[in-house]
């Protein structure tokens, strides 16, 4: 399993954090997630691809950005 940190755009409140967290957790291959509003990041543990995560987060109304 890998741990990846992604930038999340569009989050402005705790409700946004819950929506992003729920979207990521619903992605097959995710075993753990931590969404940080202050940093604008999501730390994801598991085997899910960026494409799968990005699609779920996009459906929730936010954007996931792969960090270098």
N, C-alpha and C. Protein backbone atom coordinates (compact mmCIF):
# COMPACT_ATOMS: atom_id res chain seq x y z
N UNK A 1 0.84 -1.19 0.00
CA UNK A 1 0.00 0.00 0.00
C UNK A 1 0.88 1.24 0.00
N UNK A 2 0.36 2.27 -0.62
CA UNK A 2 1.11 3.51 -0.70
C UNK A 2 0.36 4.63 0.01
N UNK A 3 1.12 5.65 0.40
CA UNK A 3 0.55 6.85 0.99
C UNK A 3 0.85 7.99 0.04
N UNK A 4 -0.20 8.67 -0.38
CA UNK A 4 -0.06 9.80 -1.31
C UNK A 4 -0.73 11.03 -0.71
N UNK A 5 -0.16 12.19 -0.97
CA UNK A 5 -0.77 13.45 -0.54
C UNK A 5 -1.17 14.22 -1.79
N UNK A 6 -2.44 14.59 -1.83
CA UNK A 6 -2.99 15.34 -2.96
C UNK A 6 -3.47 16.70 -2.48
N UNK A 7 -3.42 17.68 -3.36
CA UNK A 7 -4.00 18.98 -3.07
C UNK A 7 -5.47 18.93 -3.47
N UNK A 8 -6.32 19.54 -2.66
CA UNK A 8 -7.76 19.58 -2.95
C UNK A 8 -8.16 21.04 -3.08
N UNK A 9 -8.75 21.41 -4.21
CA UNK A 9 -9.20 22.79 -4.39
C UNK A 9 -10.71 22.86 -4.24
N UNK A 10 -11.18 24.00 -3.75
CA UNK A 10 -12.61 24.24 -3.62
C UNK A 10 -13.15 24.06 -2.22
N UNK A 11 -12.33 23.58 -1.27
CA UNK A 11 -12.82 23.39 0.10
C UNK A 11 -12.77 24.71 0.86
N UNK A 12 -13.89 25.03 1.54
CA UNK A 12 -13.94 26.27 2.30
C UNK A 12 -14.41 26.09 3.74
N UNK A 13 -14.88 24.89 4.09
CA UNK A 13 -15.44 24.70 5.44
C UNK A 13 -15.39 23.22 5.84
N UNK A 14 -15.82 22.96 7.06
CA UNK A 14 -15.85 21.60 7.56
C UNK A 14 -16.76 20.69 6.76
N UNK A 15 -17.83 21.24 6.25
CA UNK A 15 -18.75 20.45 5.41
C UNK A 15 -18.05 19.98 4.15
N UNK A 16 -17.22 20.84 3.59
CA UNK A 16 -16.45 20.46 2.39
C UNK A 16 -15.51 19.30 2.72
N UNK A 17 -14.88 19.39 3.87
CA UNK A 17 -13.96 18.33 4.29
C UNK A 17 -14.71 17.00 4.39
N UNK A 18 -15.89 17.02 4.97
CA UNK A 18 -16.69 15.79 5.09
C UNK A 18 -17.06 15.23 3.72
N UNK A 19 -17.44 16.10 2.79
CA UNK A 19 -17.81 15.65 1.45
C UNK A 19 -16.61 15.01 0.73
N UNK A 20 -15.46 15.65 0.82
CA UNK A 20 -14.26 15.12 0.17
C UNK A 20 -13.85 13.80 0.82
N UNK A 21 -13.89 13.76 2.15
CA UNK A 21 -13.55 12.54 2.89
C UNK A 21 -14.45 11.39 2.47
N UNK A 22 -15.75 11.65 2.40
CA UNK A 22 -16.72 10.62 2.03
C UNK A 22 -16.49 10.14 0.59
N UNK A 23 -16.19 11.07 -0.31
CA UNK A 23 -15.95 10.71 -1.71
C UNK A 23 -14.71 9.83 -1.85
N UNK A 24 -13.65 10.20 -1.13
CA UNK A 24 -12.42 9.41 -1.22
C UNK A 24 -12.61 8.04 -0.60
N UNK A 25 -13.26 7.98 0.56
CA UNK A 25 -13.50 6.69 1.23
C UNK A 25 -14.34 5.74 0.37
N UNK A 26 -15.19 6.29 -0.50
CA UNK A 26 -16.05 5.48 -1.36
C UNK A 26 -15.30 4.90 -2.56
N UNK A 27 -14.06 5.32 -2.74
CA UNK A 27 -13.27 4.84 -3.87
C UNK A 27 -12.66 3.48 -3.54
N UNK A 28 -12.88 2.48 -4.38
CA UNK A 28 -12.28 1.17 -4.14
C UNK A 28 -10.75 1.26 -4.05
N UNK A 29 -10.18 0.58 -3.06
CA UNK A 29 -8.74 0.57 -2.89
C UNK A 29 -8.24 1.53 -1.83
N UNK A 30 -9.12 2.34 -1.26
CA UNK A 30 -8.71 3.29 -0.21
C UNK A 30 -8.89 2.61 1.14
N UNK A 31 -7.81 2.62 1.94
CA UNK A 31 -7.91 2.03 3.27
C UNK A 31 -7.93 3.09 4.36
N UNK A 32 -7.35 4.27 4.08
CA UNK A 32 -7.34 5.35 5.06
C UNK A 32 -7.30 6.69 4.34
N UNK A 33 -7.92 7.71 4.95
CA UNK A 33 -7.86 9.06 4.37
C UNK A 33 -7.89 10.09 5.49
N UNK A 34 -7.15 11.17 5.28
CA UNK A 34 -7.16 12.30 6.20
C UNK A 34 -7.21 13.57 5.36
N UNK A 35 -8.28 14.34 5.52
CA UNK A 35 -8.45 15.57 4.75
C UNK A 35 -8.18 16.75 5.67
N UNK A 36 -7.34 17.67 5.24
CA UNK A 36 -6.93 18.82 6.04
C UNK A 36 -7.37 20.11 5.36
N UNK A 37 -8.33 20.79 5.96
CA UNK A 37 -8.85 22.03 5.38
C UNK A 37 -7.79 23.13 5.35
N UNK A 38 -7.06 23.30 6.45
CA UNK A 38 -6.07 24.37 6.55
C UNK A 38 -4.97 24.23 5.49
N UNK A 39 -4.54 23.01 5.24
CA UNK A 39 -3.49 22.77 4.25
C UNK A 39 -4.05 22.57 2.85
N UNK A 40 -5.34 22.27 2.77
CA UNK A 40 -5.96 22.02 1.47
C UNK A 40 -5.47 20.72 0.85
N UNK A 41 -5.29 19.70 1.73
CA UNK A 41 -4.74 18.44 1.25
C UNK A 41 -5.59 17.25 1.68
N UNK A 42 -5.36 16.15 0.99
CA UNK A 42 -5.93 14.85 1.36
C UNK A 42 -4.79 13.85 1.32
N UNK A 43 -4.59 13.16 2.45
CA UNK A 43 -3.58 12.11 2.52
C UNK A 43 -4.31 10.79 2.41
N UNK A 44 -3.97 10.02 1.40
CA UNK A 44 -4.69 8.78 1.09
C UNK A 44 -3.75 7.58 1.16
N UNK A 45 -4.18 6.57 1.90
CA UNK A 45 -3.44 5.31 1.99
C UNK A 45 -4.24 4.24 1.25
N UNK A 46 -3.57 3.49 0.39
CA UNK A 46 -4.25 2.42 -0.32
C UNK A 46 -3.69 2.21 -1.71
N UNK A 47 -4.49 1.56 -2.53
CA UNK A 47 -4.06 1.21 -3.88
C UNK A 47 -4.86 1.91 -4.98
N UNK A 48 -5.78 2.80 -4.60
CA UNK A 48 -6.61 3.50 -5.58
C UNK A 48 -5.76 4.39 -6.48
N UNK A 49 -6.13 4.45 -7.75
CA UNK A 49 -5.40 5.30 -8.70
C UNK A 49 -5.83 6.76 -8.55
N UNK A 50 -4.96 7.64 -9.01
CA UNK A 50 -5.29 9.07 -9.00
C UNK A 50 -6.54 9.32 -9.82
N UNK A 51 -6.66 8.65 -10.95
CA UNK A 51 -7.81 8.85 -11.83
C UNK A 51 -9.11 8.50 -11.13
N UNK A 52 -9.11 7.38 -10.40
CA UNK A 52 -10.32 6.95 -9.68
C UNK A 52 -10.66 7.93 -8.57
N UNK A 53 -9.65 8.36 -7.82
CA UNK A 53 -9.86 9.31 -6.73
C UNK A 53 -10.36 10.65 -7.27
N UNK A 54 -9.72 11.10 -8.33
CA UNK A 54 -10.07 12.39 -8.93
C UNK A 54 -11.51 12.40 -9.42
N UNK A 55 -11.94 11.29 -10.02
CA UNK A 55 -13.31 11.21 -10.53
C UNK A 55 -14.31 11.32 -9.37
N UNK A 56 -14.06 10.63 -8.27
CA UNK A 56 -14.97 10.68 -7.12
C UNK A 56 -15.01 12.07 -6.50
N UNK A 57 -13.85 12.67 -6.34
CA UNK A 57 -13.78 14.01 -5.74
C UNK A 57 -14.47 15.02 -6.66
N UNK A 58 -14.28 14.87 -7.95
CA UNK A 58 -14.91 15.76 -8.92
C UNK A 58 -16.43 15.65 -8.86
N UNK A 59 -16.94 14.42 -8.70
CA UNK A 59 -18.39 14.21 -8.57
C UNK A 59 -18.94 14.92 -7.33
N UNK A 60 -18.10 15.07 -6.31
CA UNK A 60 -18.51 15.73 -5.07
C UNK A 60 -18.40 17.26 -5.20
N UNK A 61 -17.84 17.75 -6.30
CA UNK A 61 -17.78 19.19 -6.54
C UNK A 61 -16.45 19.86 -6.23
N UNK A 62 -15.39 19.06 -6.11
CA UNK A 62 -14.07 19.60 -5.78
C UNK A 62 -13.07 19.07 -6.78
N UNK A 63 -11.83 19.55 -6.69
CA UNK A 63 -10.82 19.08 -7.62
C UNK A 63 -9.62 18.54 -6.86
N UNK A 64 -9.16 17.37 -7.27
CA UNK A 64 -7.99 16.74 -6.69
C UNK A 64 -6.81 17.00 -7.62
N UNK A 65 -5.68 17.44 -7.06
CA UNK A 65 -4.50 17.77 -7.86
C UNK A 65 -3.34 16.91 -7.39
N UNK A 66 -2.73 16.21 -8.34
CA UNK A 66 -1.58 15.37 -8.01
C UNK A 66 -0.38 16.26 -7.75
N UNK A 67 0.31 16.03 -6.63
CA UNK A 67 1.49 16.81 -6.29
C UNK A 67 2.75 16.10 -6.78
N UNK A 68 3.73 16.88 -7.18
CA UNK A 68 4.98 16.31 -7.70
C UNK A 68 5.80 15.66 -6.60
